[in-house]
Each structure stands twice: as C-alpha cells, then as structure tokens.
Amino acid sequence: MEKELSCSKCSHFCAGKVPIFQSLTEKDLDLISSLIRKRRFQKGQVLIREGDKSDALYFIHYGNIKLSKITIEGKEQILNLVSHGDFFGELHVLHNAACNFSAYALEDTEVCMILRKDFEMVIQMYPNISIKLLHAMTERLSHAENLLQTLATKDAEVRLVNLIIDLSEKFGRKTESGIEISLPMTREEMANYIGVTRETISRKLNKFEDYGYIRANGNKYLHILEIDKLHDLAKNWQPST
C-alpha cells in the first residue's frame, strides 16, 4: 500500500462522482476534499479484514473491490462488488462496529477515505446527505435480499443467469451486437459468489454459449448476445416439484 495522499489537489475530485455528494456545490466539495485521504492498493491486497475496527467511509476512485466473508464451513462468500463511484463502510462508520466483511482489490485500485469524526461533521452541515445515504443503504439491503433469494434457489443455472444480468448492469458496455462485460472476477470468484463449483460455472457458460445467448472471450470478457433470453430464464424459472 502506498503513502496516504490528500484529495485536495485532485484535478477531478472523486467525491463529486459519489451519489450521496452529487447535490453539493463546488465550494462544498472543496471543503469535503480537504477532509479526505487517498490510498492505493494493488490487485489482491486487502483493504479491510473481517473483524477489524474501521472508522472510515471508503469511496472508490478507480478499480474494483469485492466484499466477502468466510462462512462457518470455511468458504468465501462474496457479498457484493463495488467499483468506480461506489462507496462502502457506511454501517461501521456510523455505528463504530467491527467489520462484518473483508474487502479485497480485484485490480489495482485507488480509494478515498473520510474518517468518522469528519463524516459526522459533514452530515451535520449537509443534512440532505443523510437522506441520500439512507436511500443507498436501502438499495444495499435490497441487493442483500436478492442475493439470499438467489442462494436459496437450488437451480445453479438461474443463479448464474442472475449473476450475469447483475454484472451486465454494473460492468457492461453496450455494443452493436449486445453487451460486453469486462469481468471483474475470476471463474472461481463467480462460483463463490453464487455458491456453486467452478466446474458448474464453466459448464453452464458453455451451455449458454451453445444456445447463442452469450459468447465468452477468454476468461476476462463475456459478450451477451441475447440479454432478453437471460431475463426470460430468470423470470420464468419454476422450482421442480
């Protein structure tokens, strides 16, 4: 991890790209920028470990981060993926609680951090941020509920379809032939995310490719050719009786 840097000299202030701060003026953002510190992490490096105390809110300036925890079986369960413009750590910075997840850089990543005491001051100065933060936390809760529902679904095909749709919405880029995803994680991490084996991921991706729904370009890129077909699979699946 490199030396901490101040955000006050950033030519493009990262907090202005975070939804909870987007209603603020340039003058307001300048004030917040003086409170924020920047850190860089290399691919695979840990930002926070589960059980650690954290007194900072993290904003992703660039890069991708996975949030995960270890299950009672000793396996990694990925909880969420966050990227440019996202933030995490809001519960711990508000409640002074130990982290209930670990955060790892999936690629070289730069984050900006604001300490609890400074964030509390910012909220007092700009109460509207509290409302935006509440909306963001509601979306996180909805994501967690959807993940639980997906994991409760025994059909591995539906789990993978939901994951592909989620990745397309967060990391996809529209092209003339569909949606191209620069995958932020490995096949093994995809398997951990939805609670299946790596072999199952490969087998199901090959099946979707045979159907003409997707085209895999190595392990880093996935091209969705028929997104509507994937949505239909997710929507119309019925558990076997």
Protein backbone atom coordinates (compact mmCIF):
# COMPACT_ATOMS: atom_id res chain seq x y z
CA MET A 1 0.00 0.00 0.00
CA GLU A 2 1.37 3.40 -0.95
CA LYS A 3 1.63 6.52 1.16
CA GLU A 4 -1.59 8.34 2.04
CA LEU A 5 -2.28 11.34 -0.17
CA SER A 6 -4.63 14.26 0.22
CA CYS A 7 -7.56 14.68 -2.18
CA SER A 8 -7.33 18.45 -2.01
CA LYS A 9 -5.07 18.53 -5.08
CA CYS A 10 -7.15 16.16 -7.21
CA SER A 11 -7.95 17.62 -10.63
CA HIS A 12 -11.16 15.59 -10.70
CA PHE A 13 -12.48 15.39 -7.17
CA CYS A 14 -13.62 11.83 -6.53
CA ALA A 15 -16.35 12.67 -4.00
CA GLY A 16 -18.21 14.65 -6.67
CA LYS A 17 -18.74 11.35 -8.51
CA VAL A 18 -20.31 9.66 -5.47
CA PRO A 19 -24.15 9.83 -5.50
CA ILE A 20 -24.52 10.99 -1.89
CA PHE A 21 -22.41 14.10 -2.62
CA GLN A 22 -23.66 14.97 -6.11
CA SER A 23 -26.09 17.67 -4.96
CA LEU A 24 -23.31 19.70 -3.34
CA THR A 25 -21.74 22.80 -4.84
CA GLU A 26 -18.11 23.05 -5.92
CA LYS A 27 -17.41 25.08 -2.78
CA ASP A 28 -18.96 22.37 -0.60
CA LEU A 29 -16.95 19.67 -2.39
CA ASP A 30 -13.76 21.67 -1.87
CA LEU A 31 -14.45 21.61 1.87
CA ILE A 32 -15.07 17.85 1.89
CA SER A 33 -11.98 17.25 -0.25
CA SER A 34 -9.82 18.76 2.48
CA LEU A 35 -11.09 16.03 4.84
CA ILE A 36 -10.48 13.08 2.54
CA ARG A 37 -7.35 10.94 2.27
CA LYS A 38 -6.43 8.78 -0.70
CA ARG A 39 -4.84 5.34 -0.72
CA ARG A 40 -3.77 2.98 -3.48
CA PHE A 41 -3.99 -0.81 -3.28
CA GLN A 42 -2.54 -3.42 -5.59
CA LYS A 43 -4.54 -6.28 -7.07
CA GLY A 44 -5.26 -8.89 -4.39
CA GLN A 45 -4.41 -6.58 -1.50
CA VAL A 46 -6.79 -6.43 1.45
CA LEU A 47 -8.34 -3.08 2.41
CA ILE A 48 -10.24 -4.30 5.47
CA ARG A 49 -10.36 -7.68 7.18
CA GLU A 50 -13.48 -9.14 8.69
CA GLY A 51 -13.49 -8.39 12.42
CA ASP A 52 -11.30 -5.29 12.12
CA LYS A 53 -12.42 -1.99 13.59
CA SER A 54 -12.98 0.66 10.94
CA ASP A 55 -13.52 4.36 11.45
CA ALA A 56 -13.66 5.42 7.79
CA LEU A 57 -16.08 5.58 4.88
CA TYR A 58 -14.47 4.42 1.61
CA PHE A 59 -15.14 5.78 -1.90
CA ILE A 60 -13.75 4.01 -4.95
CA HIS A 61 -11.90 6.46 -7.20
CA TYR A 62 -10.97 3.74 -9.68
CA GLY A 63 -10.75 -0.05 -9.67
CA ASN A 64 -12.97 -2.88 -8.45
CA ILE A 65 -13.35 -4.30 -4.94
CA LYS A 66 -15.05 -7.44 -3.68
CA LEU A 67 -16.71 -7.53 -0.27
CA SER A 68 -16.78 -11.03 1.19
CA LYS A 69 -16.92 -13.04 4.40
CA ILE A 70 -15.94 -16.54 5.46
CA THR A 71 -18.82 -18.94 6.09
CA ILE A 72 -18.96 -21.37 9.01
CA GLU A 73 -17.82 -24.04 6.51
CA GLY A 74 -14.65 -22.00 5.93
CA LYS A 75 -15.60 -20.98 2.39
CA GLU A 76 -15.57 -17.47 0.94
CA GLN A 77 -18.98 -15.94 0.27
CA ILE A 78 -18.84 -12.83 -1.90
CA LEU A 79 -21.42 -10.30 -0.74
CA ASN A 80 -21.04 -7.54 -3.29
CA LEU A 81 -18.83 -5.97 -5.91
CA VAL A 82 -18.17 -2.23 -5.78
CA SER A 83 -16.44 -0.08 -8.37
CA HIS A 84 -15.81 3.47 -9.53
CA GLY A 85 -18.18 5.90 -7.82
CA ASP A 86 -19.40 3.36 -5.24
CA PHE A 87 -18.74 3.51 -1.51
CA PHE A 88 -18.73 1.08 1.41
CA GLY A 89 -18.23 1.01 5.16
CA GLU A 90 -21.24 3.17 5.99
CA LEU A 91 -22.56 0.90 8.75
CA HIS A 92 -19.25 0.74 10.55
CA VAL A 93 -18.51 4.43 10.32
CA LEU A 94 -21.97 5.23 11.73
CA HIS A 95 -22.13 2.58 14.45
CA ASN A 96 -18.47 2.13 15.46
CA ALA A 97 -18.82 -1.62 14.92
CA ALA A 98 -16.30 -4.22 13.80
CA CYS A 99 -16.39 -5.02 10.09
CA ASN A 100 -18.57 -7.99 9.20
CA PHE A 101 -16.84 -8.45 5.84
CA SER A 102 -13.42 -8.25 4.22
CA ALA A 103 -12.62 -6.01 1.25
CA TYR A 104 -10.11 -7.04 -1.45
CA ALA A 105 -8.88 -5.16 -4.52
CA LEU A 106 -9.75 -7.14 -7.66
CA GLU A 107 -7.35 -4.95 -9.64
CA ASP A 108 -5.08 -2.00 -8.91
CA THR A 109 -7.43 0.30 -7.03
CA GLU A 110 -7.48 3.78 -5.55
CA VAL A 111 -9.86 4.69 -2.74
CA CYS A 112 -10.64 7.90 -0.89
CA MET A 113 -11.46 7.78 2.82
CA ILE A 114 -13.20 10.10 5.24
CA LEU A 115 -12.93 9.47 8.97
CA ARG A 116 -15.95 9.08 11.24
CA LYS A 117 -15.47 12.37 13.08
CA ASP A 118 -15.20 14.28 9.80
CA PHE A 119 -18.14 12.46 8.21
CA GLU A 120 -20.32 13.25 11.23
CA MET A 121 -19.44 16.91 10.80
CA VAL A 122 -20.29 16.76 7.10
CA ILE A 123 -23.70 15.21 7.83
CA GLN A 124 -24.46 17.96 10.34
CA MET A 125 -23.51 20.61 7.80
CA TYR A 126 -25.42 18.99 4.90
CA PRO A 127 -28.42 17.03 6.28
CA ASN A 128 -29.52 16.07 2.76
CA ILE A 129 -26.58 13.66 2.64
CA SER A 130 -28.28 11.60 5.37
CA ILE A 131 -31.33 11.10 3.12
CA LYS A 132 -29.15 10.07 0.17
CA LEU A 133 -27.19 7.73 2.42
CA LEU A 134 -30.43 6.15 3.65
CA HIS A 135 -31.54 5.58 0.05
CA ALA A 136 -28.18 3.97 -0.76
CA MET A 137 -28.40 1.71 2.30
CA THR A 138 -31.93 0.69 1.26
CA GLU A 139 -30.57 -0.32 -2.14
CA ARG A 140 -27.82 -2.33 -0.41
CA LEU A 141 -30.43 -4.11 1.69
CA SER A 142 -32.43 -4.93 -1.43
CA HIS A 143 -29.27 -6.32 -3.04
CA ALA A 144 -28.61 -8.48 0.04
CA GLU A 145 -32.17 -9.80 -0.03
CA ASN A 146 -31.84 -10.62 -3.73
CA LEU A 147 -28.56 -12.43 -3.06
CA LEU A 148 -30.19 -14.50 -0.32
CA GLN A 149 -33.06 -15.34 -2.65
CA THR A 150 -30.59 -16.35 -5.36
CA LEU A 151 -28.59 -18.55 -2.97
CA ALA A 152 -31.82 -20.16 -1.77
CA THR A 153 -32.58 -21.11 -5.36
CA LYS A 154 -31.25 -24.61 -5.85
CA ASP A 155 -31.02 -24.29 -9.62
CA ALA A 156 -27.42 -23.34 -10.50
CA GLU A 157 -28.46 -22.16 -13.95
CA VAL A 158 -30.76 -19.49 -12.52
CA ARG A 159 -28.09 -18.38 -10.05
CA LEU A 160 -25.63 -17.87 -12.90
CA VAL A 161 -28.18 -16.08 -15.07
CA ASN A 162 -28.91 -13.63 -12.25
CA LEU A 163 -25.19 -13.05 -11.76
CA ILE A 164 -24.61 -12.38 -15.47
CA ILE A 165 -27.51 -9.91 -15.52
CA ASP A 166 -26.12 -8.15 -12.44
CA LEU A 167 -22.64 -7.96 -13.96
CA SER A 168 -24.05 -6.59 -17.21
CA GLU A 169 -25.81 -3.79 -15.34
CA LYS A 170 -22.73 -2.82 -13.30
CA PHE A 171 -19.85 -3.52 -15.66
CA GLY A 172 -21.42 -3.94 -19.11
CA ARG A 173 -20.83 -1.78 -22.18
CA LYS A 174 -23.38 -1.70 -24.99
CA THR A 175 -22.13 -2.71 -28.43
CA GLU A 176 -23.81 -3.18 -31.80
CA SER A 177 -24.22 -6.90 -31.15
CA GLY A 178 -25.17 -6.82 -27.47
CA ILE A 179 -23.43 -6.08 -24.17
CA GLU A 180 -19.74 -6.64 -23.49
CA ILE A 181 -18.70 -7.27 -19.88
CA SER A 182 -15.14 -6.86 -18.69
CA LEU A 183 -15.36 -9.43 -15.93
CA PRO A 184 -14.08 -8.07 -12.60
CA MET A 185 -13.54 -11.52 -11.09
CA THR A 186 -12.31 -15.00 -11.91
CA ARG A 187 -14.41 -18.08 -12.58
CA GLU A 188 -13.57 -19.25 -9.05
CA GLU A 189 -14.87 -15.98 -7.58
CA MET A 190 -18.02 -16.20 -9.69
CA ALA A 191 -18.56 -19.67 -8.25
CA ASN A 192 -18.04 -18.37 -4.70
CA TYR A 193 -20.49 -15.55 -5.33
CA ILE A 194 -23.39 -17.86 -6.19
CA GLY A 195 -22.42 -20.90 -4.14
CA VAL A 196 -21.55 -23.39 -6.88
CA THR A 197 -18.35 -25.05 -8.12
CA ARG A 198 -16.03 -23.61 -10.74
CA GLU A 199 -16.79 -26.60 -12.95
CA THR A 200 -20.50 -25.74 -12.80
CA ILE A 201 -19.75 -22.17 -13.90
CA SER A 202 -17.76 -23.40 -16.92
CA ARG A 203 -20.39 -26.00 -17.85
CA LYS A 204 -23.29 -23.53 -17.67
CA LEU A 205 -21.42 -20.82 -19.58
CA ASN A 206 -20.69 -23.36 -22.34
CA LYS A 207 -24.40 -24.25 -22.40
CA PHE A 208 -25.45 -20.59 -22.74
CA GLU A 209 -22.86 -20.17 -25.48
CA ASP A 210 -24.26 -23.19 -27.36
CA TYR A 211 -27.72 -21.60 -27.12
CA GLY A 212 -26.35 -18.40 -28.66
CA TYR A 213 -27.13 -16.29 -25.58
CA ILE A 214 -23.52 -15.32 -24.84
CA ARG A 215 -20.02 -15.50 -26.26
CA ALA A 216 -17.04 -15.92 -23.95
CA ASN A 217 -13.80 -14.22 -24.98
CA GLY A 218 -11.27 -15.97 -22.77
CA ASN A 219 -11.73 -15.59 -19.03
CA LYS A 220 -11.82 -11.78 -18.93
CA TYR A 221 -14.64 -10.86 -21.31
CA LEU A 222 -18.21 -12.02 -21.73
CA HIS A 223 -20.35 -10.82 -24.60
CA ILE A 224 -24.11 -11.06 -24.06
CA LEU A 225 -25.87 -11.57 -27.36
CA GLU A 226 -29.42 -12.21 -26.08
CA ILE A 227 -29.99 -10.35 -22.83
CA ASP A 228 -33.78 -10.74 -23.18
CA LYS A 229 -33.38 -14.52 -23.26
CA LEU A 230 -31.44 -14.40 -19.99
CA HIS A 231 -34.10 -12.22 -18.38
CA ASP A 232 -36.75 -14.72 -19.53
CA LEU A 233 -34.80 -17.60 -17.98
CA ALA A 234 -34.57 -15.79 -14.66
CA LYS A 235 -38.21 -14.69 -14.67
CA ASN A 236 -39.84 -17.90 -15.86
CA TRP A 237 -37.88 -20.44 -13.81
CA GLN A 238 -40.07 -22.61 -11.60
CA PRO A 239 -38.79 -24.95 -8.90
CA SER A 240 -39.26 -28.61 -9.65
CA THR A 241 -41.90 -30.40 -7.60
